[in-house]
Protein backbone atom coordinates (compact mmCIF):
# COMPACT_ATOMS: atom_id res chain seq x y z
CA UNK A 1 -82.59 -137.71 39.18
CA UNK A 2 -83.95 -137.50 35.68
CA UNK A 3 -87.57 -137.51 36.83
CA UNK A 4 -87.04 -134.27 38.76
CA UNK A 5 -85.64 -132.56 35.69
CA UNK A 6 -88.35 -133.86 33.36
CA UNK A 7 -91.07 -131.27 32.73
CA UNK A 8 -93.52 -134.10 32.02
CA UNK A 9 -93.11 -135.55 35.53
CA UNK A 10 -95.37 -133.01 37.32
CA UNK A 11 -98.04 -133.41 34.63
CA UNK A 12 -98.02 -137.18 34.98
CA UNK A 13 -98.03 -137.02 38.78
CA UNK A 14 -100.93 -134.57 38.84
CA UNK A 15 -103.17 -137.12 37.16
CA UNK A 16 -102.41 -139.91 39.64
CA UNK A 17 -104.69 -141.06 42.45
CA UNK A 18 -103.20 -141.84 45.87
CA UNK A 19 -102.27 -145.40 44.92
CA UNK A 20 -100.51 -144.27 41.77
CA UNK A 21 -98.68 -141.42 43.46
CA UNK A 22 -97.62 -143.69 46.30
CA UNK A 23 -96.08 -146.06 43.75
CA UNK A 24 -94.30 -143.13 42.11
CA UNK A 25 -92.93 -141.92 45.44
CA UNK A 26 -91.68 -145.44 46.12
CA UNK A 27 -89.88 -145.42 42.77
CA UNK A 28 -88.35 -142.01 43.47
CA UNK A 29 -86.99 -143.11 46.86
CA UNK A 30 -85.67 -146.30 45.29
CA UNK A 31 -83.73 -144.67 42.45
CA UNK A 32 -82.41 -141.71 44.46
CA UNK A 33 -78.68 -142.02 45.00
CA UNK A 34 -78.92 -140.10 48.30
CA UNK A 35 -81.64 -139.65 50.92
CA UNK A 36 -84.44 -137.57 49.42
CA UNK A 37 -86.61 -135.25 51.50
CA UNK A 38 -90.42 -134.94 51.32
CA UNK A 39 -89.94 -131.36 50.12
CA UNK A 40 -87.73 -132.50 47.23
CA UNK A 41 -90.33 -135.07 46.22
CA UNK A 42 -93.19 -132.60 46.53
CA UNK A 43 -91.38 -129.93 44.51
CA UNK A 44 -90.16 -132.40 41.88
CA UNK A 45 -93.61 -133.89 41.33
CA UNK A 46 -95.57 -130.65 41.84
CA UNK A 47 -97.57 -132.15 44.69
CA UNK A 48 -98.69 -130.67 48.02
CA UNK A 49 -96.14 -131.42 50.74
CA UNK A 50 -98.87 -132.70 53.07
CA UNK A 51 -99.98 -135.27 50.49
CA UNK A 52 -96.44 -136.49 49.90
CA UNK A 53 -95.76 -136.76 53.65
CA UNK A 54 -99.01 -138.71 54.18
CA UNK A 55 -98.30 -141.18 51.37
CA UNK A 56 -94.67 -141.52 52.43
CA UNK A 57 -95.83 -142.42 55.96
CA UNK A 58 -98.19 -145.03 54.48
CA UNK A 59 -95.32 -146.46 52.42
CA UNK A 60 -93.10 -146.71 55.48
CA UNK A 61 -95.86 -148.46 57.42
CA UNK A 62 -96.35 -150.90 54.56
CA UNK A 63 -92.66 -151.79 54.34
CA UNK A 64 -92.61 -152.24 58.11
CA UNK A 65 -94.61 -155.45 57.74
CA UNK A 66 -92.57 -158.64 58.36
CA UNK A 67 -92.96 -159.93 54.80
CA UNK A 68 -90.73 -157.11 53.54
CA UNK A 69 -86.95 -157.36 53.77
CA UNK A 70 -86.36 -153.67 53.11
CA UNK A 71 -87.62 -150.51 54.74
CA UNK A 72 -87.79 -146.79 54.05
CA UNK A 73 -85.60 -145.16 56.69
CA UNK A 74 -85.03 -141.53 57.65
CA UNK A 75 -81.33 -140.81 57.16
CA UNK A 76 -79.49 -137.47 57.22
CA UNK A 77 -82.61 -135.38 56.78
CA UNK A 78 -84.10 -137.47 53.98
CA UNK A 79 -85.48 -140.91 53.21
CA UNK A 80 -83.85 -143.88 51.53
CA UNK A 81 -84.44 -147.60 51.12
CA UNK A 82 -82.32 -149.98 53.17
CA UNK A 83 -82.30 -153.58 54.32
CA UNK A 84 -83.91 -154.19 57.70
CA UNK A 85 -81.51 -154.57 60.66
CA UNK A 86 -82.68 -158.12 61.39
CA UNK A 87 -81.46 -159.19 57.94
CA UNK A 88 -78.08 -157.42 58.02
CA UNK A 89 -76.01 -160.45 58.99
CA UNK A 90 -77.56 -162.73 56.36
CA UNK A 91 -77.29 -160.06 53.65
CA UNK A 92 -73.71 -159.24 54.68
CA UNK A 93 -72.81 -162.92 54.51
CA UNK A 94 -74.32 -163.15 51.03
CA UNK A 95 -72.44 -160.07 49.81
CA UNK A 96 -69.19 -161.48 51.21
CA UNK A 97 -69.77 -164.64 49.20
CA UNK A 98 -69.86 -162.52 46.03
CA UNK A 99 -66.83 -160.35 46.70
CA UNK A 100 -64.45 -160.31 49.69
CA UNK A 101 -65.02 -156.96 51.45
CA UNK A 102 -62.18 -154.60 52.24
CA UNK A 103 -62.79 -152.40 55.26
CA UNK A 104 -61.31 -149.24 56.71
CA UNK A 105 -58.07 -149.81 58.56
CA UNK A 106 -58.17 -149.77 62.35
CA UNK A 107 -56.19 -146.50 62.31
CA UNK A 108 -58.75 -144.87 59.99
CA UNK A 109 -61.65 -146.15 62.08
CA UNK A 110 -60.08 -144.86 65.30
CA UNK A 111 -59.51 -141.45 63.71
CA UNK A 112 -63.07 -141.32 62.40
CA UNK A 113 -64.34 -142.19 65.88
CA UNK A 114 -62.37 -139.32 67.41
CA UNK A 115 -63.70 -136.84 64.83
CA UNK A 116 -67.28 -138.09 65.25
CA UNK A 117 -67.31 -137.67 69.03
CA UNK A 118 -65.04 -134.63 69.45
CA UNK A 119 -65.93 -132.52 66.39
CA UNK A 120 -64.98 -129.96 65.37
CA UNK A 121 -61.40 -131.02 66.09
CA UNK A 122 -57.94 -130.26 64.71
CA UNK A 123 -55.31 -132.69 63.47
CA UNK A 124 -52.98 -131.96 66.45
CA UNK A 125 -55.86 -132.65 68.85
CA UNK A 126 -56.61 -135.93 67.08
CA UNK A 127 -52.92 -136.82 67.27
CA UNK A 128 -52.87 -136.07 71.01
CA UNK A 129 -55.88 -138.29 71.68
CA UNK A 130 -54.62 -141.20 69.57
CA UNK A 131 -50.99 -140.84 70.57
CA UNK A 132 -49.71 -141.13 66.99
CA UNK A 133 -49.50 -138.99 63.87
CA UNK A 134 -51.99 -139.74 61.13
CA UNK A 135 -51.92 -137.32 58.19
CA UNK A 136 -52.35 -140.21 55.77
CA UNK A 137 -55.42 -141.47 57.61
CA UNK A 138 -57.01 -138.02 57.56
CA UNK A 139 -56.46 -137.87 53.81
CA UNK A 140 -58.14 -141.27 53.42
CA UNK A 141 -61.20 -140.06 55.34
CA UNK A 142 -61.28 -136.80 53.37
CA UNK A 143 -61.00 -138.67 50.06
CA UNK A 144 -63.92 -140.87 51.06
CA UNK A 145 -65.95 -137.80 52.06
CA UNK A 146 -66.51 -139.14 55.57
CA UNK A 147 -64.99 -135.97 57.07
CA UNK A 148 -64.45 -132.44 55.78
CA UNK A 149 -62.80 -129.16 56.78
CA UNK A 150 -64.90 -126.97 59.07
CA UNK A 151 -62.96 -123.72 59.22
CA UNK A 152 -59.92 -122.96 61.36
CA UNK A 153 -59.45 -122.80 65.12
CA UNK A 154 -58.64 -119.38 66.57
CA UNK A 155 -55.31 -120.35 68.11
CA UNK A 156 -51.68 -119.91 67.11
CA UNK A 157 -51.17 -121.35 63.64
CA UNK A 158 -54.95 -121.49 63.02
CA UNK A 159 -55.09 -125.26 62.38
CA UNK A 160 -57.90 -126.70 60.26
CA UNK A 161 -60.93 -128.04 62.09
CA UNK A 162 -62.52 -131.29 60.91
CA UNK A 163 -66.06 -132.62 61.24
CA UNK A 164 -68.07 -135.53 59.89
CA UNK A 165 -70.14 -135.14 56.72
CA UNK A 166 -73.58 -136.03 55.45
CA UNK A 167 -71.92 -138.99 53.71
CA UNK A 168 -70.84 -140.19 57.16
CA UNK A 169 -74.47 -140.18 58.32
CA UNK A 170 -75.51 -142.04 55.17
CA UNK A 171 -72.80 -144.70 55.49
CA UNK A 172 -73.70 -145.39 59.11
CA UNK A 173 -77.46 -145.09 58.63
CA UNK A 174 -77.85 -142.27 61.15
CA UNK A 175 -80.62 -139.67 61.21
CA UNK A 176 -78.28 -137.19 62.91
CA UNK A 177 -75.30 -137.12 65.26
CA UNK A 178 -77.65 -137.54 68.22
CA UNK A 179 -78.04 -141.18 67.16
CA UNK A 180 -74.34 -141.96 67.54
CA UNK A 181 -73.86 -145.18 69.53
CA UNK A 182 -71.23 -145.66 72.21
CA UNK A 183 -67.60 -145.55 71.07
CA UNK A 184 -67.29 -149.33 71.39
CA UNK A 185 -70.48 -149.90 69.41
CA UNK A 186 -69.38 -147.34 66.81
CA UNK A 187 -66.08 -149.13 66.17
CA UNK A 188 -67.87 -152.48 65.80
CA UNK A 189 -70.43 -150.98 63.40
CA UNK A 190 -67.60 -149.46 61.40
CA UNK A 191 -65.75 -152.74 61.07
CA UNK A 192 -68.91 -154.41 59.77
CA UNK A 193 -70.54 -151.66 57.73
CA UNK A 194 -67.77 -149.76 55.94
CA UNK A 195 -66.90 -152.31 53.26
CA UNK A 196 -64.84 -149.91 51.19
CA UNK A 197 -61.41 -150.60 49.73
CA UNK A 198 -58.23 -149.12 51.19
CA UNK A 199 -55.61 -147.54 48.88
CA UNK A 200 -52.79 -149.83 47.86
CA UNK A 201 -49.68 -149.86 50.06
CA UNK A 202 -47.44 -146.88 49.36
CA UNK A 203 -50.20 -144.68 47.92
CA UNK A 204 -51.24 -141.47 49.70
CA UNK A 205 -53.66 -142.31 52.49
CA UNK A 206 -52.57 -145.93 52.71
CA UNK A 207 -51.36 -147.68 55.84
CA UNK A 208 -47.89 -147.77 54.32
CA UNK A 209 -47.85 -144.04 53.71
CA UNK A 210 -49.01 -143.34 57.25
CA UNK A 211 -46.37 -145.59 58.76
CA UNK A 212 -43.67 -143.74 56.86
CA UNK A 213 -44.87 -140.46 58.33
CA UNK A 214 -45.50 -141.59 61.89
CA UNK A 215 -44.32 -143.80 64.66
CA UNK A 216 -45.55 -147.43 64.72
CA UNK A 217 -49.04 -147.86 66.12
CA UNK A 218 -49.95 -150.38 68.78
């Protein structure tokens, strides 16, 4: 963020009382593209960590009141603004009215589920669990930064291991992997939450490309 790289930011923040600094912290969390940690905020604004944590807690408590439709949520080791769960369906319906959402394919969602719950895991192990090949699906998940390589397994051939990423936690609104829901709940959340476009048929990572490289899925 520009504010963190601006040498004037610490000087301005130093002159603020609690109310002013709280407003600034709110702005920082709002504009941050990814979850931002209290330490990042404290360092960027040259403020004591304890003060930032206290004001951040007050902000979270304030947004928790029913008259607010958004909240500050802890996600992947940082904090970000998000709509409250009780408003998800209404907000999702509104977004759909603006632009028809395109979700992950069922094959991609199944593969992501396997990686999430069995990680680190190799492509052959994923194939064995799902019963089909899926190199194209893995490429789709890698391209979307939902999974990444995590070294190689010490077996013959040394296949690549895969695990979920911080982007995965962000997309699903999870603090850490300990918050993973049941497999059934995960698949339903994925169908609703991952409104990202699939590659066009025939492109690498598309359903068409996967079908050409594997047996038909059921």
